[in-house]
Amino acid sequence: MIELPGLRPELQPWARRLLAQARQPYEVTSVRRSRRKQTKVYRRSLKDPEYEFPVAPPTCDCATHMDGWSWDMISTPAELRRLGMLWRSWGGIWGSDEDPIHFQGTPAMLSGMPQDERSTWGPMYIGRNDRSFIRRS
């Protein structure tokens, strides 16, 4: 079963459900970040003009990686868009074209899914988990 270490336990079923829908290879590159790691990523994004995506400062309540509300993953642009739109349809937040690698849970998702919907999720992929990423190829 796919687990995203550091993601809030209540969001794990949602994340597994989304990742099971992947049609292209993907790699989860970041989940929970410590304040130190968030600071490092933020500072790197400020120094590097080539840095592609926005990064929240560690002092901001919007740094959702620090609280286990979000994860980043890479895949093809079309696959990220497809999964992002699906995530949004379930009530999640997706970073769209500005931050297509960012997937974030919402408080409304914490109550879980109806039991009858859990039985229709279909097969789950088993991802590779070496503490730094999960990859499906």
N, C-alpha and C. Protein backbone atom coordinates (compact mmCIF):
# COMPACT_ATOMS: atom_id res chain seq x y z
N MET A 1 0.85 -1.18 0.00
CA MET A 1 0.00 0.00 0.00
C MET A 1 0.89 1.25 0.00
N ILE A 2 0.54 2.22 -0.79
CA ILE A 2 1.28 3.46 -0.87
C ILE A 2 1.08 4.26 0.42
N GLU A 3 2.17 4.73 0.99
CA GLU A 3 2.12 5.63 2.13
C GLU A 3 3.00 6.83 1.80
N LEU A 4 2.58 8.00 2.17
CA LEU A 4 3.38 9.20 2.02
C LEU A 4 3.82 9.61 3.41
N PRO A 5 5.02 9.21 3.83
CA PRO A 5 5.49 9.51 5.18
C PRO A 5 5.43 11.01 5.46
N GLY A 6 4.80 11.36 6.56
CA GLY A 6 4.68 12.75 6.95
C GLY A 6 3.37 13.40 6.57
N LEU A 7 2.64 12.81 5.64
CA LEU A 7 1.33 13.35 5.29
C LEU A 7 0.35 13.01 6.42
N ARG A 8 -0.54 13.93 6.74
CA ARG A 8 -1.52 13.68 7.80
C ARG A 8 -2.21 12.34 7.57
N PRO A 9 -2.37 11.53 8.60
CA PRO A 9 -2.99 10.22 8.43
C PRO A 9 -4.37 10.28 7.78
N GLU A 10 -5.14 11.32 8.08
CA GLU A 10 -6.49 11.43 7.52
C GLU A 10 -6.45 11.69 6.01
N LEU A 11 -5.34 12.19 5.50
CA LEU A 11 -5.22 12.46 4.06
C LEU A 11 -4.63 11.29 3.29
N GLN A 12 -4.06 10.33 4.00
CA GLN A 12 -3.43 9.18 3.34
C GLN A 12 -4.39 8.46 2.38
N PRO A 13 -5.64 8.15 2.79
CA PRO A 13 -6.53 7.45 1.85
C PRO A 13 -6.80 8.27 0.58
N TRP A 14 -6.90 9.58 0.73
CA TRP A 14 -7.13 10.43 -0.43
C TRP A 14 -5.93 10.40 -1.37
N ALA A 15 -4.74 10.50 -0.79
CA ALA A 15 -3.52 10.48 -1.59
C ALA A 15 -3.36 9.13 -2.30
N ARG A 16 -3.60 8.04 -1.57
CA ARG A 16 -3.51 6.71 -2.19
C ARG A 16 -4.49 6.59 -3.35
N ARG A 17 -5.68 7.09 -3.12
CA ARG A 17 -6.70 7.01 -4.17
C ARG A 17 -6.26 7.79 -5.42
N LEU A 18 -5.70 8.96 -5.20
CA LEU A 18 -5.24 9.76 -6.33
C LEU A 18 -4.08 9.08 -7.06
N LEU A 19 -3.09 8.63 -6.32
CA LEU A 19 -1.93 8.01 -6.94
C LEU A 19 -2.29 6.72 -7.66
N ALA A 20 -3.31 6.03 -7.19
CA ALA A 20 -3.78 4.83 -7.89
C ALA A 20 -4.37 5.16 -9.26
N GLN A 21 -4.76 6.41 -9.45
CA GLN A 21 -5.34 6.84 -10.72
C GLN A 21 -4.28 7.23 -11.75
N ALA A 22 -3.02 7.26 -11.35
CA ALA A 22 -1.94 7.70 -12.25
C ALA A 22 -1.83 6.77 -13.46
N ARG A 23 -1.71 7.37 -14.62
CA ARG A 23 -1.54 6.62 -15.88
C ARG A 23 -0.12 6.73 -16.40
N GLN A 24 0.64 7.66 -15.84
CA GLN A 24 2.03 7.88 -16.24
C GLN A 24 2.93 7.71 -15.02
N PRO A 25 4.22 7.45 -15.23
CA PRO A 25 5.14 7.37 -14.09
C PRO A 25 5.13 8.69 -13.31
N TYR A 26 5.31 8.59 -12.00
CA TYR A 26 5.37 9.77 -11.14
C TYR A 26 6.39 9.53 -10.05
N GLU A 27 6.77 10.61 -9.40
CA GLU A 27 7.67 10.51 -8.25
C GLU A 27 7.23 11.55 -7.22
N VAL A 28 6.96 11.09 -6.01
CA VAL A 28 6.66 12.01 -4.91
C VAL A 28 8.01 12.51 -4.40
N THR A 29 8.20 13.82 -4.47
CA THR A 29 9.51 14.39 -4.16
C THR A 29 9.59 15.06 -2.79
N SER A 30 8.45 15.41 -2.20
CA SER A 30 8.46 16.08 -0.91
C SER A 30 7.11 15.95 -0.25
N VAL A 31 7.13 15.69 1.05
CA VAL A 31 5.87 15.66 1.82
C VAL A 31 6.07 16.63 2.98
N ARG A 32 6.19 16.13 4.19
CA ARG A 32 6.37 17.02 5.35
C ARG A 32 7.80 17.55 5.36
N ARG A 33 7.91 18.85 5.64
CA ARG A 33 9.22 19.49 5.76
C ARG A 33 9.34 20.12 7.14
N SER A 34 10.51 19.99 7.72
CA SER A 34 10.80 20.68 8.97
C SER A 34 10.94 22.17 8.68
N ARG A 35 10.90 22.97 9.71
CA ARG A 35 11.10 24.42 9.52
C ARG A 35 12.46 24.67 8.86
N ARG A 36 13.45 23.92 9.28
CA ARG A 36 14.80 24.06 8.71
C ARG A 36 14.81 23.75 7.21
N LYS A 37 14.18 22.66 6.83
CA LYS A 37 14.11 22.28 5.41
C LYS A 37 13.30 23.31 4.62
N GLN A 38 12.18 23.76 5.17
CA GLN A 38 11.36 24.77 4.48
C GLN A 38 12.16 26.05 4.28
N THR A 39 12.94 26.44 5.29
CA THR A 39 13.79 27.63 5.17
C THR A 39 14.81 27.45 4.06
N LYS A 40 15.41 26.28 4.01
CA LYS A 40 16.42 25.99 2.98
C LYS A 40 15.81 26.06 1.58
N VAL A 41 14.67 25.43 1.40
CA VAL A 41 14.00 25.43 0.10
C VAL A 41 13.58 26.85 -0.28
N TYR A 42 13.05 27.59 0.69
CA TYR A 42 12.62 28.97 0.45
C TYR A 42 13.80 29.84 0.03
N ARG A 43 14.90 29.77 0.77
CA ARG A 43 16.08 30.58 0.44
C ARG A 43 16.65 30.22 -0.93
N ARG A 44 16.67 28.94 -1.23
CA ARG A 44 17.15 28.50 -2.55
C ARG A 44 16.26 29.08 -3.65
N SER A 45 14.96 29.11 -3.42
CA SER A 45 14.05 29.65 -4.44
C SER A 45 14.27 31.15 -4.65
N LEU A 46 14.67 31.88 -3.61
CA LEU A 46 14.93 33.31 -3.73
C LEU A 46 16.22 33.60 -4.49
N LYS A 47 17.23 32.74 -4.29
CA LYS A 47 18.54 32.95 -4.90
C LYS A 47 18.60 32.51 -6.36
N ASP A 48 17.81 31.53 -6.70
CA ASP A 48 17.90 30.92 -8.03
C ASP A 48 16.81 31.47 -8.94
N PRO A 49 17.16 32.30 -9.92
CA PRO A 49 16.15 32.85 -10.83
C PRO A 49 15.51 31.77 -11.72
N GLU A 50 16.13 30.63 -11.80
CA GLU A 50 15.60 29.53 -12.61
C GLU A 50 14.61 28.67 -11.82
N TYR A 51 14.46 28.95 -10.52
CA TYR A 51 13.57 28.13 -9.69
C TYR A 51 12.15 28.23 -10.23
N GLU A 52 11.57 27.08 -10.53
CA GLU A 52 10.32 27.06 -11.29
C GLU A 52 9.07 27.41 -10.51
N PHE A 53 8.98 27.01 -9.25
CA PHE A 53 7.71 27.09 -8.54
C PHE A 53 7.82 27.94 -7.28
N PRO A 54 6.73 28.57 -6.87
CA PRO A 54 6.76 29.41 -5.66
C PRO A 54 6.95 28.56 -4.41
N VAL A 55 7.63 29.12 -3.43
CA VAL A 55 7.85 28.44 -2.16
C VAL A 55 7.44 29.38 -1.04
N ALA A 56 6.63 28.88 -0.12
CA ALA A 56 6.18 29.69 1.01
C ALA A 56 7.30 29.84 2.03
N PRO A 57 7.42 31.03 2.64
CA PRO A 57 8.41 31.19 3.70
C PRO A 57 8.01 30.37 4.92
N PRO A 58 8.97 29.91 5.71
CA PRO A 58 8.66 29.06 6.86
C PRO A 58 7.87 29.77 7.95
N THR A 59 7.84 31.09 7.94
CA THR A 59 7.10 31.83 8.96
C THR A 59 5.64 32.03 8.58
N CYS A 60 5.27 31.59 7.41
CA CYS A 60 3.91 31.78 6.89
C CYS A 60 3.02 30.59 7.25
N ASP A 61 1.78 30.86 7.64
CA ASP A 61 0.84 29.77 7.90
C ASP A 61 0.53 29.00 6.62
N CYS A 62 0.92 29.55 5.48
CA CYS A 62 0.62 28.89 4.21
C CYS A 62 1.68 27.85 3.84
N ALA A 63 2.69 27.63 4.69
CA ALA A 63 3.70 26.62 4.43
C ALA A 63 3.12 25.25 4.81
N THR A 64 2.26 24.73 3.98
CA THR A 64 1.47 23.54 4.31
C THR A 64 2.31 22.26 4.37
N HIS A 65 3.49 22.26 3.78
CA HIS A 65 4.36 21.08 3.90
C HIS A 65 4.81 20.88 5.35
N MET A 66 4.92 21.96 6.09
CA MET A 66 5.40 21.86 7.47
C MET A 66 4.38 21.19 8.39
N ASP A 67 3.12 21.21 8.00
CA ASP A 67 2.07 20.62 8.83
C ASP A 67 1.52 19.31 8.27
N GLY A 68 2.14 18.80 7.23
CA GLY A 68 1.69 17.53 6.66
C GLY A 68 0.41 17.62 5.85
N TRP A 69 0.10 18.81 5.35
CA TRP A 69 -1.12 18.99 4.55
C TRP A 69 -0.89 18.77 3.06
N SER A 70 0.36 18.72 2.62
CA SER A 70 0.58 18.69 1.17
C SER A 70 1.79 17.86 0.80
N TRP A 71 1.87 17.57 -0.49
CA TRP A 71 3.03 16.89 -1.05
C TRP A 71 3.27 17.42 -2.45
N ASP A 72 4.51 17.23 -2.91
CA ASP A 72 4.88 17.58 -4.27
C ASP A 72 5.20 16.29 -5.00
N MET A 73 4.87 16.28 -6.28
CA MET A 73 5.25 15.13 -7.10
C MET A 73 5.49 15.59 -8.52
N ILE A 74 6.32 14.84 -9.23
CA ILE A 74 6.61 15.15 -10.61
C ILE A 74 6.10 14.04 -11.50
N SER A 75 5.71 14.43 -12.68
CA SER A 75 5.25 13.53 -13.73
C SER A 75 5.21 14.36 -15.00
N THR A 76 4.57 13.86 -16.02
CA THR A 76 4.43 14.66 -17.23
C THR A 76 3.47 15.82 -16.94
N PRO A 77 3.61 16.94 -17.64
CA PRO A 77 2.69 18.06 -17.42
C PRO A 77 1.22 17.66 -17.61
N ALA A 78 0.94 16.86 -18.61
CA ALA A 78 -0.45 16.44 -18.85
C ALA A 78 -0.97 15.57 -17.71
N GLU A 79 -0.12 14.70 -17.18
CA GLU A 79 -0.54 13.84 -16.08
C GLU A 79 -0.77 14.65 -14.80
N LEU A 80 0.12 15.60 -14.52
CA LEU A 80 -0.07 16.46 -13.35
C LEU A 80 -1.37 17.24 -13.47
N ARG A 81 -1.67 17.74 -14.64
CA ARG A 81 -2.91 18.49 -14.86
C ARG A 81 -4.13 17.57 -14.65
N ARG A 82 -4.08 16.38 -15.22
CA ARG A 82 -5.21 15.44 -15.09
C ARG A 82 -5.42 15.07 -13.63
N LEU A 83 -4.35 14.71 -12.93
CA LEU A 83 -4.48 14.35 -11.52
C LEU A 83 -4.86 15.56 -10.67
N GLY A 84 -4.34 16.73 -11.03
CA GLY A 84 -4.69 17.95 -10.30
C GLY A 84 -6.16 18.29 -10.40
N MET A 85 -6.71 18.14 -11.59
CA MET A 85 -8.14 18.43 -11.77
C MET A 85 -8.99 17.40 -11.01
N LEU A 86 -8.55 16.16 -11.01
CA LEU A 86 -9.25 15.13 -10.24
C LEU A 86 -9.19 15.46 -8.74
N TRP A 87 -7.99 15.84 -8.27
CA TRP A 87 -7.81 16.20 -6.86
C TRP A 87 -8.74 17.35 -6.47
N ARG A 88 -8.82 18.35 -7.33
CA ARG A 88 -9.73 19.48 -7.07
C ARG A 88 -11.19 19.02 -7.01
N SER A 89 -11.56 18.09 -7.88
CA SER A 89 -12.95 17.63 -7.89
C SER A 89 -13.32 16.92 -6.59
N TRP A 90 -12.32 16.43 -5.87
CA TRP A 90 -12.55 15.78 -4.58
C TRP A 90 -12.48 16.75 -3.41
N GLY A 91 -12.22 18.03 -3.70
CA GLY A 91 -12.14 19.03 -2.65
C GLY A 91 -10.74 19.43 -2.25
N GLY A 92 -9.72 18.88 -2.91
CA GLY A 92 -8.34 19.24 -2.61
C GLY A 92 -7.91 20.51 -3.33
N ILE A 93 -6.72 20.95 -3.01
CA ILE A 93 -6.14 22.12 -3.65
C ILE A 93 -4.98 21.64 -4.51
N TRP A 94 -4.97 22.08 -5.74
CA TRP A 94 -3.88 21.76 -6.65
C TRP A 94 -3.24 23.06 -7.10
N GLY A 95 -1.93 23.08 -7.27
CA GLY A 95 -1.20 24.29 -7.60
C GLY A 95 -1.36 24.82 -9.00
N SER A 96 -2.09 24.15 -9.87
CA SER A 96 -2.35 24.54 -11.27
C SER A 96 -1.05 24.82 -12.01
N ASP A 97 -1.10 25.64 -13.05
CA ASP A 97 0.07 25.88 -13.88
C ASP A 97 1.17 26.63 -13.14
N GLU A 98 0.81 27.36 -12.10
CA GLU A 98 1.81 28.11 -11.34
C GLU A 98 2.67 27.19 -10.47
N ASP A 99 2.11 26.10 -10.00
CA ASP A 99 2.83 25.15 -9.15
C ASP A 99 2.22 23.76 -9.36
N PRO A 100 2.39 23.19 -10.56
CA PRO A 100 1.69 21.95 -10.90
C PRO A 100 2.11 20.72 -10.10
N ILE A 101 3.22 20.81 -9.39
CA ILE A 101 3.69 19.67 -8.62
C ILE A 101 3.06 19.60 -7.23
N HIS A 102 2.31 20.64 -6.84
CA HIS A 102 1.79 20.78 -5.48
C HIS A 102 0.36 20.26 -5.34
N PHE A 103 0.17 19.33 -4.41
CA PHE A 103 -1.14 18.76 -4.09
C PHE A 103 -1.35 18.95 -2.60
N GLN A 104 -2.49 19.52 -2.23
CA GLN A 104 -2.74 19.89 -0.84
C GLN A 104 -4.12 19.43 -0.39
N GLY A 105 -4.18 18.86 0.80
CA GLY A 105 -5.45 18.48 1.38
C GLY A 105 -6.14 19.69 1.99
N THR A 106 -7.41 19.52 2.33
CA THR A 106 -8.19 20.58 2.95
C THR A 106 -8.87 20.03 4.21
N PRO A 107 -9.25 20.90 5.14
CA PRO A 107 -9.95 20.43 6.35
C PRO A 107 -11.20 19.63 6.03
N ALA A 108 -11.90 19.97 4.96
CA ALA A 108 -13.11 19.23 4.61
C ALA A 108 -12.81 17.76 4.30
N MET A 109 -11.59 17.47 3.86
CA MET A 109 -11.22 16.10 3.52
C MET A 109 -10.94 15.24 4.75
N LEU A 110 -10.72 15.87 5.90
CA LEU A 110 -10.32 15.13 7.09
C LEU A 110 -11.41 14.23 7.66
N SER A 111 -12.63 14.49 7.29
CA SER A 111 -13.72 13.66 7.80
C SER A 111 -13.76 12.30 7.11
N GLY A 112 -12.99 12.14 6.07
CA GLY A 112 -12.91 10.86 5.37
C GLY A 112 -13.97 10.72 4.30
N MET A 113 -13.92 9.57 3.64
CA MET A 113 -14.86 9.28 2.56
C MET A 113 -15.95 8.36 3.06
N PRO A 114 -17.10 8.43 2.43
CA PRO A 114 -18.16 7.49 2.79
C PRO A 114 -17.70 6.05 2.62
N GLN A 115 -18.12 5.18 3.49
CA GLN A 115 -17.71 3.78 3.45
C GLN A 115 -18.02 3.14 2.11
N ASP A 116 -19.19 3.43 1.53
CA ASP A 116 -19.55 2.80 0.27
C ASP A 116 -18.62 3.23 -0.87
N GLU A 117 -18.01 4.42 -0.78
CA GLU A 117 -17.09 4.86 -1.81
C GLU A 117 -15.74 4.16 -1.67
N ARG A 118 -15.36 3.81 -0.47
CA ARG A 118 -14.07 3.14 -0.25
C ARG A 118 -14.02 1.81 -1.00
N SER A 119 -15.12 1.15 -1.13
CA SER A 119 -15.10 -0.16 -1.78
C SER A 119 -14.96 -0.07 -3.29
N THR A 120 -15.09 1.14 -3.86
CA THR A 120 -15.00 1.28 -5.31
C THR A 120 -13.70 1.91 -5.76
N TRP A 121 -12.71 1.95 -4.91
CA TRP A 121 -11.45 2.60 -5.27
C TRP A 121 -10.67 1.84 -6.33
N GLY A 122 -10.86 0.57 -6.45
CA GLY A 122 -10.10 -0.22 -7.41
C GLY A 122 -8.74 -0.60 -6.85
N PRO A 123 -7.90 -1.20 -7.70
CA PRO A 123 -6.59 -1.69 -7.23
C PRO A 123 -5.67 -0.54 -6.82
N MET A 124 -4.88 -0.79 -5.82
CA MET A 124 -3.90 0.20 -5.37
C MET A 124 -2.52 -0.23 -5.86
N TYR A 125 -1.77 0.71 -6.33
CA TYR A 125 -0.39 0.43 -6.72
C TYR A 125 0.48 0.41 -5.49
N ILE A 126 1.46 -0.42 -5.49
CA ILE A 126 2.45 -0.41 -4.43
C ILE A 126 3.63 0.39 -4.96
N GLY A 127 3.93 1.48 -4.31
CA GLY A 127 5.01 2.36 -4.75
C GLY A 127 6.31 2.01 -4.07
N ARG A 128 7.39 2.52 -4.61
CA ARG A 128 8.69 2.36 -4.00
C ARG A 128 8.85 3.47 -2.98
N ASN A 129 9.23 3.10 -1.77
CA ASN A 129 9.37 4.10 -0.72
C ASN A 129 10.73 3.92 -0.06
N ASP A 130 11.64 4.86 -0.32
CA ASP A 130 12.93 4.77 0.33
C ASP A 130 13.17 5.97 1.25
N ARG A 131 12.09 6.45 1.86
CA ARG A 131 12.06 7.55 2.81
C ARG A 131 12.19 8.92 2.14
N SER A 132 12.71 9.00 0.93
CA SER A 132 12.82 10.30 0.30
C SER A 132 11.83 10.48 -0.83
N PHE A 133 11.33 9.41 -1.40
CA PHE A 133 10.38 9.53 -2.47
C PHE A 133 9.62 8.24 -2.68
N ILE A 134 8.54 8.35 -3.41
CA ILE A 134 7.79 7.20 -3.86
C ILE A 134 7.72 7.31 -5.35
N ARG A 135 8.01 6.27 -6.05
CA ARG A 135 8.04 6.33 -7.49
C ARG A 135 7.22 5.19 -8.07
N ARG A 136 6.47 5.49 -9.11
CA ARG A 136 5.80 4.46 -9.88
C ARG A 136 6.27 4.62 -11.30
N SER A 137 6.83 3.57 -11.87
CA SER A 137 7.29 3.66 -13.25
C SER A 137 6.71 2.55 -14.09
